[in-house]
Amino acid sequence: MTTTAGEQTPDILTGTRLFMEAAGQLPSPGFADADIRTLRLSLLEEEFRELLDADEHDNMVEIADALLDIIVVAWGTILAYGSYDVKLTIPPLRRDSVWVTGIGEITRIMNDYRDGESDNDEWKISVNLYRLIRAAWRTLELYFDEKVALQCADEVTRSNLAKIVDGKVIKHPETGKVLKPEGWTAPNIAGALADYGWA
């Protein structure tokens, strides 16, 4: 997928970093900052609840969207905490592997992540954020397939990067919330799924 300027859309992890830099969220105060930790946990819990709700209603568009949002928020949390030391790549799904995946696995990882936050254990938090990204991606591929997952990820990345105008995002002066510029469009997950017969 290409951006409006005709450039290749970066992968979802690179796009998340670019967005956070443009929003002034990086560099971050890091793991030691209690406000950052409270915010990041809250954001991840919100996306997790959206996944459970979408699953309960068998809404495949919302499931795909929630899985991608979990990837974005978990990676953003790793970046905000300064907890990364190697470049993570989204792994291909090996259909012959015994990797347990799905929403049940994501739920178990979320519980381990919460335990890490409660214990103030940076290592446990980091490991489970990486596990969460991998499980969300593999679940996305399991539900759809790699090609569909990549197209949906491109849509989320395109939409997030479209909030950047002249290298910066526009923020609400009182709340600091990132505003959507004129002409912005939400990620067209339904369209990406429809392209492959999922609508």
N, C-alpha and C. Protein backbone atom coordinates (compact mmCIF):
# COMPACT_ATOMS: atom_id res chain seq x y z
N MET A 1 0.84 -1.17 0.00
CA MET A 1 0.00 0.00 0.00
C MET A 1 0.89 1.24 0.00
N THR A 2 0.43 2.31 -0.62
CA THR A 2 1.21 3.54 -0.67
C THR A 2 0.47 4.66 0.04
N THR A 3 1.23 5.63 0.51
CA THR A 3 0.64 6.80 1.14
C THR A 3 0.14 7.74 0.06
N THR A 4 -0.51 8.83 0.48
CA THR A 4 -1.05 9.77 -0.50
C THR A 4 0.06 10.40 -1.32
N ALA A 5 1.27 10.47 -0.79
CA ALA A 5 2.39 11.05 -1.54
C ALA A 5 3.02 10.02 -2.47
N GLY A 6 2.45 8.81 -2.52
CA GLY A 6 2.98 7.78 -3.39
C GLY A 6 4.12 6.98 -2.78
N GLU A 7 4.41 7.22 -1.52
CA GLU A 7 5.48 6.48 -0.84
C GLU A 7 4.91 5.19 -0.28
N GLN A 8 5.78 4.21 -0.12
CA GLN A 8 5.37 2.94 0.47
C GLN A 8 5.00 3.16 1.93
N THR A 9 3.88 2.58 2.35
CA THR A 9 3.47 2.66 3.75
C THR A 9 4.43 1.81 4.57
N PRO A 10 4.99 2.37 5.66
CA PRO A 10 5.89 1.56 6.49
C PRO A 10 5.11 0.45 7.21
N ASP A 11 5.84 -0.54 7.71
CA ASP A 11 5.17 -1.59 8.47
C ASP A 11 4.56 -0.98 9.73
N ILE A 12 3.67 -1.73 10.36
CA ILE A 12 2.89 -1.20 11.47
C ILE A 12 3.76 -0.80 12.67
N LEU A 13 4.88 -1.49 12.89
CA LEU A 13 5.75 -1.13 14.02
C LEU A 13 6.50 0.16 13.74
N THR A 14 7.05 0.30 12.54
CA THR A 14 7.73 1.54 12.16
C THR A 14 6.75 2.69 12.14
N GLY A 15 5.55 2.46 11.61
CA GLY A 15 4.53 3.50 11.57
C GLY A 15 4.14 3.98 12.96
N THR A 16 4.08 3.06 13.91
CA THR A 16 3.77 3.43 15.30
C THR A 16 4.85 4.34 15.87
N ARG A 17 6.11 3.99 15.62
CA ARG A 17 7.22 4.83 16.11
C ARG A 17 7.16 6.21 15.46
N LEU A 18 6.95 6.28 14.16
CA LEU A 18 6.88 7.57 13.46
C LEU A 18 5.75 8.43 14.01
N PHE A 19 4.60 7.81 14.26
CA PHE A 19 3.47 8.56 14.82
C PHE A 19 3.81 9.09 16.21
N MET A 20 4.39 8.24 17.05
CA MET A 20 4.72 8.68 18.42
C MET A 20 5.75 9.80 18.41
N GLU A 21 6.71 9.74 17.50
CA GLU A 21 7.70 10.82 17.38
C GLU A 21 7.02 12.12 16.96
N ALA A 22 6.13 12.05 15.98
CA ALA A 22 5.43 13.25 15.50
C ALA A 22 4.51 13.82 16.57
N ALA A 23 3.99 12.95 17.44
CA ALA A 23 3.10 13.38 18.51
C ALA A 23 3.86 13.86 19.74
N GLY A 24 5.19 13.83 19.69
CA GLY A 24 6.00 14.27 20.83
C GLY A 24 5.98 13.28 21.98
N GLN A 25 5.63 12.02 21.70
CA GLN A 25 5.58 11.00 22.75
C GLN A 25 6.91 10.28 22.93
N LEU A 26 7.83 10.50 22.00
CA LEU A 26 9.17 9.93 22.07
C LEU A 26 10.19 11.04 21.86
N PRO A 27 11.28 11.06 22.56
CA PRO A 27 11.59 10.11 23.63
C PRO A 27 10.63 10.30 24.80
N SER A 28 10.45 9.24 25.55
CA SER A 28 9.51 9.21 26.66
C SER A 28 10.29 9.20 27.97
N PRO A 29 9.64 9.65 29.06
CA PRO A 29 10.30 9.55 30.37
C PRO A 29 10.64 8.12 30.75
N GLY A 30 9.96 7.15 30.14
CA GLY A 30 10.32 5.76 30.34
C GLY A 30 9.53 5.03 31.41
N PHE A 31 10.01 3.84 31.70
CA PHE A 31 9.33 2.91 32.59
C PHE A 31 9.12 3.49 33.98
N ALA A 32 10.03 4.30 34.45
CA ALA A 32 9.95 4.82 35.82
C ALA A 32 8.83 5.84 36.01
N ASP A 33 8.27 6.38 34.93
CA ASP A 33 7.24 7.41 35.03
C ASP A 33 5.87 6.77 35.29
N ALA A 34 5.31 7.02 36.48
CA ALA A 34 4.04 6.40 36.89
C ALA A 34 2.88 6.82 35.98
N ASP A 35 2.86 8.08 35.55
CA ASP A 35 1.77 8.54 34.68
C ASP A 35 1.79 7.83 33.33
N ILE A 36 2.99 7.66 32.78
CA ILE A 36 3.12 6.94 31.50
C ILE A 36 2.63 5.50 31.67
N ARG A 37 3.01 4.86 32.75
CA ARG A 37 2.61 3.47 32.98
C ARG A 37 1.11 3.35 33.15
N THR A 38 0.50 4.27 33.89
CA THR A 38 -0.95 4.25 34.07
C THR A 38 -1.66 4.43 32.74
N LEU A 39 -1.19 5.39 31.94
CA LEU A 39 -1.78 5.65 30.63
C LEU A 39 -1.65 4.43 29.72
N ARG A 40 -0.46 3.86 29.63
CA ARG A 40 -0.23 2.75 28.71
C ARG A 40 -1.06 1.53 29.10
N LEU A 41 -1.16 1.25 30.40
CA LEU A 41 -1.98 0.12 30.85
C LEU A 41 -3.45 0.37 30.51
N SER A 42 -3.91 1.59 30.72
CA SER A 42 -5.30 1.95 30.41
C SER A 42 -5.59 1.78 28.92
N LEU A 43 -4.68 2.24 28.07
CA LEU A 43 -4.87 2.10 26.62
C LEU A 43 -4.93 0.64 26.20
N LEU A 44 -4.05 -0.17 26.76
CA LEU A 44 -4.02 -1.59 26.40
C LEU A 44 -5.28 -2.31 26.90
N GLU A 45 -5.72 -1.97 28.11
CA GLU A 45 -6.95 -2.57 28.64
C GLU A 45 -8.15 -2.22 27.76
N GLU A 46 -8.21 -0.98 27.28
CA GLU A 46 -9.31 -0.55 26.41
C GLU A 46 -9.34 -1.38 25.12
N GLU A 47 -8.18 -1.55 24.50
CA GLU A 47 -8.12 -2.33 23.26
C GLU A 47 -8.46 -3.80 23.51
N PHE A 48 -8.03 -4.33 24.64
CA PHE A 48 -8.34 -5.71 24.98
C PHE A 48 -9.85 -5.90 25.17
N ARG A 49 -10.49 -4.95 25.86
CA ARG A 49 -11.96 -5.02 26.03
C ARG A 49 -12.66 -4.97 24.68
N GLU A 50 -12.16 -4.13 23.77
CA GLU A 50 -12.75 -4.05 22.43
C GLU A 50 -12.62 -5.38 21.69
N LEU A 51 -11.50 -6.07 21.86
CA LEU A 51 -11.32 -7.38 21.24
C LEU A 51 -12.33 -8.38 21.80
N LEU A 52 -12.48 -8.42 23.11
CA LEU A 52 -13.42 -9.36 23.72
C LEU A 52 -14.85 -9.07 23.27
N ASP A 53 -15.21 -7.79 23.19
CA ASP A 53 -16.55 -7.41 22.74
C ASP A 53 -16.77 -7.82 21.28
N ALA A 54 -15.78 -7.56 20.43
CA ALA A 54 -15.90 -7.93 19.01
C ALA A 54 -16.02 -9.44 18.86
N ASP A 55 -15.27 -10.18 19.66
CA ASP A 55 -15.33 -11.64 19.60
C ASP A 55 -16.70 -12.14 20.06
N GLU A 56 -17.22 -11.54 21.11
CA GLU A 56 -18.53 -11.94 21.63
C GLU A 56 -19.62 -11.75 20.58
N HIS A 57 -19.47 -10.72 19.76
CA HIS A 57 -20.47 -10.41 18.73
C HIS A 57 -20.09 -10.97 17.35
N ASP A 58 -19.05 -11.78 17.28
CA ASP A 58 -18.58 -12.37 16.01
C ASP A 58 -18.43 -11.33 14.92
N ASN A 59 -17.90 -10.16 15.28
CA ASN A 59 -17.71 -9.07 14.32
C ASN A 59 -16.27 -9.13 13.82
N MET A 60 -16.08 -9.73 12.65
CA MET A 60 -14.73 -9.96 12.14
C MET A 60 -13.99 -8.67 11.83
N VAL A 61 -14.69 -7.64 11.38
CA VAL A 61 -14.04 -6.35 11.11
C VAL A 61 -13.49 -5.78 12.41
N GLU A 62 -14.30 -5.80 13.46
CA GLU A 62 -13.87 -5.26 14.75
C GLU A 62 -12.80 -6.14 15.40
N ILE A 63 -12.85 -7.44 15.17
CA ILE A 63 -11.80 -8.32 15.69
C ILE A 63 -10.47 -7.95 15.04
N ALA A 64 -10.46 -7.80 13.72
CA ALA A 64 -9.22 -7.42 13.02
C ALA A 64 -8.72 -6.08 13.52
N ASP A 65 -9.63 -5.11 13.65
CA ASP A 65 -9.25 -3.78 14.11
C ASP A 65 -8.67 -3.83 15.52
N ALA A 66 -9.32 -4.57 16.41
CA ALA A 66 -8.85 -4.66 17.80
C ALA A 66 -7.49 -5.35 17.89
N LEU A 67 -7.28 -6.42 17.12
CA LEU A 67 -5.98 -7.09 17.14
C LEU A 67 -4.87 -6.15 16.68
N LEU A 68 -5.15 -5.37 15.63
CA LEU A 68 -4.15 -4.42 15.14
C LEU A 68 -3.92 -3.30 16.15
N ASP A 69 -4.99 -2.84 16.80
CA ASP A 69 -4.83 -1.80 17.82
C ASP A 69 -4.02 -2.32 19.01
N ILE A 70 -4.20 -3.58 19.36
CA ILE A 70 -3.39 -4.17 20.44
C ILE A 70 -1.92 -4.16 20.04
N ILE A 71 -1.62 -4.50 18.79
CA ILE A 71 -0.23 -4.47 18.32
C ILE A 71 0.33 -3.06 18.42
N VAL A 72 -0.43 -2.07 17.95
CA VAL A 72 0.02 -0.67 17.98
C VAL A 72 0.26 -0.21 19.42
N VAL A 73 -0.69 -0.48 20.30
CA VAL A 73 -0.57 0.00 21.69
C VAL A 73 0.53 -0.75 22.43
N ALA A 74 0.64 -2.06 22.23
CA ALA A 74 1.70 -2.82 22.91
C ALA A 74 3.08 -2.37 22.44
N TRP A 75 3.26 -2.18 21.13
CA TRP A 75 4.54 -1.70 20.62
C TRP A 75 4.80 -0.27 21.10
N GLY A 76 3.78 0.56 21.11
CA GLY A 76 3.94 1.92 21.63
C GLY A 76 4.34 1.91 23.09
N THR A 77 3.83 0.94 23.84
CA THR A 77 4.19 0.82 25.25
C THR A 77 5.66 0.42 25.39
N ILE A 78 6.10 -0.52 24.58
CA ILE A 78 7.51 -0.91 24.60
C ILE A 78 8.39 0.31 24.29
N LEU A 79 8.00 1.08 23.28
CA LEU A 79 8.77 2.28 22.93
C LEU A 79 8.74 3.31 24.05
N ALA A 80 7.56 3.52 24.63
CA ALA A 80 7.42 4.51 25.70
C ALA A 80 8.22 4.11 26.95
N TYR A 81 8.29 2.82 27.22
CA TYR A 81 9.03 2.34 28.38
C TYR A 81 10.53 2.27 28.11
N GLY A 82 10.92 2.36 26.85
CA GLY A 82 12.33 2.20 26.51
C GLY A 82 12.80 0.78 26.74
N SER A 83 11.88 -0.19 26.57
CA SER A 83 12.16 -1.59 26.92
C SER A 83 12.64 -2.44 25.77
N TYR A 84 12.94 -1.85 24.64
CA TYR A 84 13.34 -2.65 23.50
C TYR A 84 14.86 -2.62 23.36
N ASP A 85 15.44 -3.73 22.97
CA ASP A 85 16.88 -3.76 22.71
C ASP A 85 17.19 -4.47 21.39
N VAL A 86 16.20 -5.06 20.80
CA VAL A 86 16.36 -5.66 19.47
C VAL A 86 15.13 -5.30 18.65
N LYS A 87 15.33 -5.24 17.34
CA LYS A 87 14.19 -4.92 16.47
C LYS A 87 13.29 -6.14 16.39
N LEU A 88 12.04 -5.92 16.72
CA LEU A 88 11.06 -6.99 16.62
C LEU A 88 10.48 -6.98 15.21
N THR A 89 10.40 -8.14 14.61
CA THR A 89 9.71 -8.24 13.33
C THR A 89 8.48 -9.10 13.54
N ILE A 90 7.44 -8.77 12.84
CA ILE A 90 6.23 -9.57 12.95
C ILE A 90 6.52 -10.92 12.30
N PRO A 91 6.40 -11.99 13.06
CA PRO A 91 6.80 -13.29 12.53
C PRO A 91 5.75 -13.86 11.59
N PRO A 92 6.19 -14.64 10.61
CA PRO A 92 5.21 -15.32 9.78
C PRO A 92 4.55 -16.43 10.59
N LEU A 93 3.32 -16.70 10.28
CA LEU A 93 2.61 -17.79 10.94
C LEU A 93 3.07 -19.10 10.32
N ARG A 94 3.61 -19.97 11.13
CA ARG A 94 4.00 -21.29 10.64
C ARG A 94 2.84 -22.23 10.93
N ARG A 95 2.14 -22.59 9.91
CA ARG A 95 0.92 -23.37 10.08
C ARG A 95 1.19 -24.76 10.65
N ASP A 96 2.42 -25.24 10.56
CA ASP A 96 2.73 -26.55 11.11
C ASP A 96 3.24 -26.47 12.55
N SER A 97 3.31 -25.26 13.08
CA SER A 97 3.85 -25.13 14.44
C SER A 97 2.78 -25.47 15.46
N VAL A 98 3.22 -25.72 16.67
CA VAL A 98 2.28 -26.03 17.74
C VAL A 98 1.98 -24.79 18.57
N TRP A 99 2.32 -23.62 18.02
CA TRP A 99 2.08 -22.37 18.72
C TRP A 99 0.60 -22.24 19.05
N VAL A 100 0.30 -22.07 20.31
CA VAL A 100 -1.08 -21.86 20.72
C VAL A 100 -1.38 -20.38 20.50
N THR A 101 -2.45 -20.11 19.81
CA THR A 101 -2.77 -18.73 19.52
C THR A 101 -4.28 -18.55 19.61
N GLY A 102 -4.70 -17.34 19.52
CA GLY A 102 -6.12 -17.02 19.60
C GLY A 102 -6.40 -16.11 20.76
N ILE A 103 -7.65 -15.80 20.93
CA ILE A 103 -8.05 -14.84 21.95
C ILE A 103 -7.80 -15.38 23.35
N GLY A 104 -7.92 -16.70 23.54
CA GLY A 104 -7.61 -17.29 24.84
C GLY A 104 -6.15 -17.07 25.22
N GLU A 105 -5.25 -17.23 24.25
CA GLU A 105 -3.83 -16.99 24.51
C GLU A 105 -3.56 -15.52 24.80
N ILE A 106 -4.22 -14.64 24.06
CA ILE A 106 -4.06 -13.20 24.30
C ILE A 106 -4.54 -12.86 25.70
N THR A 107 -5.63 -13.48 26.14
CA THR A 107 -6.14 -13.25 27.49
C THR A 107 -5.11 -13.69 28.54
N ARG A 108 -4.50 -14.85 28.34
CA ARG A 108 -3.47 -15.32 29.29
C ARG A 108 -2.28 -14.36 29.33
N ILE A 109 -1.87 -13.89 28.17
CA ILE A 109 -0.73 -12.96 28.12
C ILE A 109 -1.09 -11.65 28.79
N MET A 110 -2.32 -11.16 28.57
CA MET A 110 -2.75 -9.92 29.24
C MET A 110 -2.69 -10.09 30.75
N ASN A 111 -3.11 -11.25 31.25
CA ASN A 111 -3.05 -11.50 32.70
C ASN A 111 -1.61 -11.49 33.19
N ASP A 112 -0.69 -12.09 32.43
CA ASP A 112 0.73 -12.07 32.80
C ASP A 112 1.28 -10.65 32.77
N TYR A 113 0.86 -9.87 31.77
CA TYR A 113 1.28 -8.47 31.67
C TYR A 113 0.79 -7.68 32.89
N ARG A 114 -0.48 -7.87 33.25
CA ARG A 114 -1.03 -7.18 34.42
C ARG A 114 -0.24 -7.55 35.68
N ASP A 115 0.09 -8.85 35.81
CA ASP A 115 0.89 -9.29 36.96
C ASP A 115 2.24 -8.56 36.99
N GLY A 116 2.86 -8.42 35.83
CA GLY A 116 4.12 -7.70 35.75
C GLY A 116 3.98 -6.25 36.19
N GLU A 117 2.89 -5.62 35.76
CA GLU A 117 2.64 -4.23 36.18
C GLU A 117 2.44 -4.16 37.70
N SER A 118 1.64 -5.09 38.24
CA SER A 118 1.40 -5.12 39.69
C SER A 118 2.68 -5.35 40.48
N ASP A 119 3.56 -6.20 39.93
CA ASP A 119 4.82 -6.52 40.61
C ASP A 119 5.92 -5.50 40.32
N ASN A 120 5.63 -4.53 39.44
CA ASN A 120 6.63 -3.54 39.03
C ASN A 120 7.86 -4.24 38.44
N ASP A 121 7.60 -5.27 37.66
CA ASP A 121 8.65 -6.11 37.09
C ASP A 121 8.84 -5.76 35.61
N GLU A 122 9.81 -4.90 35.32
CA GLU A 122 10.00 -4.41 33.96
C GLU A 122 10.29 -5.55 32.98
N TRP A 123 11.07 -6.53 33.40
CA TRP A 123 11.38 -7.65 32.51
C TRP A 123 10.11 -8.42 32.14
N LYS A 124 9.29 -8.75 33.13
CA LYS A 124 8.06 -9.49 32.89
C LYS A 124 7.10 -8.70 32.01
N ILE A 125 7.04 -7.39 32.23
CA ILE A 125 6.19 -6.53 31.40
C ILE A 125 6.67 -6.57 29.96
N SER A 126 7.96 -6.36 29.75
CA SER A 126 8.51 -6.32 28.40
C SER A 126 8.30 -7.63 27.66
N VAL A 127 8.60 -8.73 28.31
CA VAL A 127 8.43 -10.04 27.68
C VAL A 127 6.97 -10.24 27.26
N ASN A 128 6.05 -9.87 28.13
CA ASN A 128 4.64 -10.09 27.81
C ASN A 128 4.11 -9.11 26.78
N LEU A 129 4.68 -7.92 26.68
CA LEU A 129 4.30 -7.02 25.58
C LEU A 129 4.73 -7.60 24.24
N TYR A 130 5.95 -8.13 24.18
CA TYR A 130 6.41 -8.80 22.95
C TYR A 130 5.53 -10.01 22.63
N ARG A 131 5.22 -10.81 23.65
CA ARG A 131 4.36 -11.98 23.44
C ARG A 131 2.98 -11.55 22.94
N LEU A 132 2.47 -10.44 23.47
CA LEU A 132 1.16 -9.94 23.08
C LEU A 132 1.15 -9.54 21.60
N ILE A 133 2.20 -8.86 21.17
CA ILE A 133 2.30 -8.47 19.76
C ILE A 133 2.32 -9.71 18.87
N ARG A 134 3.13 -10.67 19.22
CA ARG A 134 3.23 -11.89 18.41
C ARG A 134 1.90 -12.66 18.40
N ALA A 135 1.26 -12.79 19.55
CA ALA A 135 0.00 -13.53 19.62
C ALA A 135 -1.10 -12.81 18.85
N ALA A 136 -1.15 -11.49 18.95
CA ALA A 136 -2.18 -10.73 18.21
C ALA A 136 -1.96 -10.88 16.71
N TRP A 137 -0.69 -10.79 16.27
CA TRP A 137 -0.41 -10.94 14.84
C TRP A 137 -0.76 -12.35 14.35
N ARG A 138 -0.35 -13.35 15.09
CA ARG A 138 -0.62 -14.72 14.67
C ARG A 138 -2.12 -15.02 14.68
N THR A 139 -2.84 -14.44 15.62
CA THR A 139 -4.29 -14.61 15.65
C THR A 139 -4.92 -13.96 14.43
N LEU A 140 -4.44 -12.79 14.08
CA LEU A 140 -4.93 -12.10 12.88
C LEU A 140 -4.70 -12.97 11.64
N GLU A 141 -3.51 -13.52 11.53
CA GLU A 141 -3.21 -14.41 10.39
C GLU A 141 -4.03 -15.70 10.44
N LEU A 142 -4.25 -16.22 11.62
CA LEU A 142 -5.04 -17.44 11.76
C LEU A 142 -6.48 -17.20 11.32
N TYR A 143 -7.06 -16.08 11.72
CA TYR A 143 -8.44 -15.77 11.35
C TYR A 143 -8.58 -15.48 9.86
N PHE A 144 -7.62 -14.81 9.29
CA PHE A 144 -7.72 -14.38 7.90
C PHE A 144 -6.63 -15.09 7.09
N ASP A 145 -5.53 -14.46 6.86
CA ASP A 145 -4.30 -15.05 6.34
C ASP A 145 -3.28 -13.92 6.28
N GLU A 146 -2.05 -14.24 5.91
CA GLU A 146 -0.99 -13.24 5.97
C GLU A 146 -1.26 -12.06 5.05
N LYS A 147 -1.72 -12.31 3.85
CA LYS A 147 -1.95 -11.23 2.89
C LYS A 147 -3.03 -10.27 3.40
N VAL A 148 -4.11 -10.81 3.92
CA VAL A 148 -5.20 -9.98 4.46
C VAL A 148 -4.70 -9.22 5.69
N ALA A 149 -3.96 -9.90 6.56
CA ALA A 149 -3.43 -9.26 7.77
C ALA A 149 -2.54 -8.08 7.41
N LEU A 150 -1.68 -8.27 6.42
CA LEU A 150 -0.78 -7.18 6.00
C LEU A 150 -1.56 -6.01 5.40
N GLN A 151 -2.59 -6.30 4.62
CA GLN A 151 -3.38 -5.20 4.04
C GLN A 151 -4.12 -4.43 5.14
N CYS A 152 -4.66 -5.13 6.12
CA CYS A 152 -5.33 -4.47 7.24
C CYS A 152 -4.32 -3.64 8.05
N ALA A 153 -3.13 -4.18 8.27
CA ALA A 153 -2.09 -3.45 9.00
C ALA A 153 -1.68 -2.20 8.24
N ASP A 154 -1.58 -2.30 6.92
CA ASP A 154 -1.28 -1.11 6.10
C ASP A 154 -2.35 -0.05 6.26
N GLU A 155 -3.61 -0.46 6.33
CA GLU A 155 -4.71 0.50 6.49
C GLU A 155 -4.60 1.24 7.82
N VAL A 156 -4.31 0.50 8.90
CA VAL A 156 -4.17 1.14 10.22
C VAL A 156 -2.98 2.10 10.21
N THR A 157 -1.88 1.68 9.63
CA THR A 157 -0.68 2.53 9.57
C THR A 157 -0.94 3.77 8.73
N ARG A 158 -1.56 3.59 7.57
CA ARG A 158 -1.89 4.73 6.70
C ARG A 158 -2.75 5.74 7.45
N SER A 159 -3.76 5.25 8.13
CA SER A 159 -4.69 6.12 8.84
C SER A 159 -3.99 6.88 9.98
N ASN A 160 -3.15 6.18 10.74
CA ASN A 160 -2.42 6.85 11.82
C ASN A 160 -1.45 7.90 11.29
N LEU A 161 -0.72 7.56 10.24
CA LEU A 161 0.26 8.51 9.70
C LEU A 161 -0.41 9.68 8.99
N ALA A 162 -1.66 9.51 8.57
CA ALA A 162 -2.40 10.60 7.93
C ALA A 162 -2.76 11.70 8.94
N LYS A 163 -2.60 11.42 10.22
CA LYS A 163 -2.84 12.44 11.25
C LYS A 163 -1.65 13.38 11.39
N ILE A 164 -0.54 13.06 10.73
CA ILE A 164 0.66 13.90 10.78
C ILE A 164 0.60 14.91 9.65
N VAL A 165 0.69 16.18 10.02
CA VAL A 165 0.68 17.27 9.04
C VAL A 165 1.96 18.08 9.23
N ASP A 166 2.74 18.20 8.17
CA ASP A 166 4.01 18.93 8.23
C ASP A 166 4.91 18.43 9.35
N GLY A 167 4.95 17.11 9.52
CA GLY A 167 5.85 16.50 10.49
C GLY A 167 5.36 16.48 11.92
N LYS A 168 4.15 17.01 12.16
CA LYS A 168 3.61 17.05 13.52
C LYS A 168 2.14 16.66 13.50
N VAL A 169 1.65 16.31 14.67
CA VAL A 169 0.21 16.10 14.80
C VAL A 169 -0.40 17.36 15.39
N ILE A 170 -1.68 17.53 15.16
CA ILE A 170 -2.41 18.66 15.73
C ILE A 170 -3.03 18.16 17.03
N LYS A 171 -2.81 18.91 18.11
CA LYS A 171 -3.34 18.49 19.40
C LYS A 171 -4.35 19.51 19.92
N HIS A 172 -5.32 19.00 20.66
CA HIS A 172 -6.28 19.86 21.33
C HIS A 172 -5.50 20.66 22.38
N PRO A 173 -5.68 21.99 22.41
CA PRO A 173 -4.86 22.81 23.31
C PRO A 173 -5.05 22.52 24.79
N GLU A 174 -6.23 22.04 25.18
CA GLU A 174 -6.47 21.80 26.61
C GLU A 174 -6.20 20.36 27.02
N THR A 175 -6.61 19.41 26.19
CA THR A 175 -6.49 18.00 26.58
C THR A 175 -5.23 17.33 26.04
N GLY A 176 -4.64 17.90 24.99
CA GLY A 176 -3.47 17.29 24.38
C GLY A 176 -3.82 16.12 23.47
N LYS A 177 -5.12 15.83 23.33
CA LYS A 177 -5.56 14.72 22.46
C LYS A 177 -5.22 15.04 21.01
N VAL A 178 -4.73 14.03 20.30
CA VAL A 178 -4.39 14.19 18.88
C VAL A 178 -5.69 14.35 18.09
N LEU A 179 -5.75 15.42 17.29
CA LEU A 179 -6.93 15.70 16.48
C LEU A 179 -6.73 15.16 15.07
N LYS A 180 -7.83 14.85 14.44
CA LYS A 180 -7.78 14.35 13.06
C LYS A 180 -7.84 15.54 12.11
N PRO A 181 -6.89 15.65 11.20
CA PRO A 181 -6.90 16.79 10.27
C PRO A 181 -8.02 16.66 9.24
N GLU A 182 -8.30 17.76 8.59
CA GLU A 182 -9.32 17.78 7.54
C GLU A 182 -8.94 16.76 6.46
N GLY A 183 -9.92 15.99 6.03
CA GLY A 183 -9.69 14.99 4.99
C GLY A 183 -9.23 13.64 5.51
N TRP A 184 -9.00 13.53 6.82
CA TRP A 184 -8.55 12.27 7.40
C TRP A 184 -9.63 11.21 7.25
N THR A 185 -9.23 9.98 7.00
CA THR A 185 -10.18 8.87 6.94
C THR A 185 -9.71 7.75 7.87
N ALA A 186 -10.68 7.12 8.49
CA ALA A 186 -10.40 5.99 9.39
C ALA A 186 -9.87 4.81 8.57
N PRO A 187 -9.19 3.89 9.23
CA PRO A 187 -8.71 2.71 8.49
C PRO A 187 -9.89 1.93 7.91
N ASN A 188 -9.79 1.58 6.66
CA ASN A 188 -10.87 0.86 5.99
C ASN A 188 -10.63 -0.65 6.12
N ILE A 189 -10.80 -1.15 7.33
CA ILE A 189 -10.61 -2.57 7.59
C ILE A 189 -11.65 -3.39 6.83
N ALA A 190 -12.89 -2.90 6.83
CA ALA A 190 -13.96 -3.62 6.13
C ALA A 190 -13.62 -3.76 4.65
N GLY A 191 -13.09 -2.69 4.05
CA GLY A 191 -12.71 -2.74 2.64
C GLY A 191 -11.57 -3.71 2.39
N ALA A 192 -10.59 -3.70 3.30
CA ALA A 192 -9.46 -4.62 3.16
C ALA A 192 -9.93 -6.07 3.25
N LEU A 193 -10.85 -6.33 4.16
CA LEU A 193 -11.39 -7.69 4.29
C LEU A 193 -12.25 -8.05 3.08
N ALA A 194 -13.03 -7.09 2.60
CA ALA A 194 -13.90 -7.34 1.44
C ALA A 194 -13.08 -7.68 0.20
N ASP A 195 -11.91 -7.06 0.08
CA ASP A 195 -11.04 -7.35 -1.07
C ASP A 195 -10.70 -8.84 -1.17
N TYR A 196 -10.78 -9.53 -0.02
CA TYR A 196 -10.44 -10.95 0.01
C TYR A 196 -11.66 -11.82 0.35
N GLY A 197 -12.85 -11.23 0.18
CA GLY A 197 -14.08 -12.00 0.36
C GLY A 197 -14.52 -12.19 1.80
N TRP A 198 -14.07 -11.32 2.70
CA TRP A 198 -14.42 -11.46 4.11
C TRP A 198 -15.57 -10.57 4.55
N ALA A 199 -16.24 -9.88 3.64
CA ALA A 199 -17.33 -8.99 4.07
C ALA A 199 -18.67 -9.54 3.68
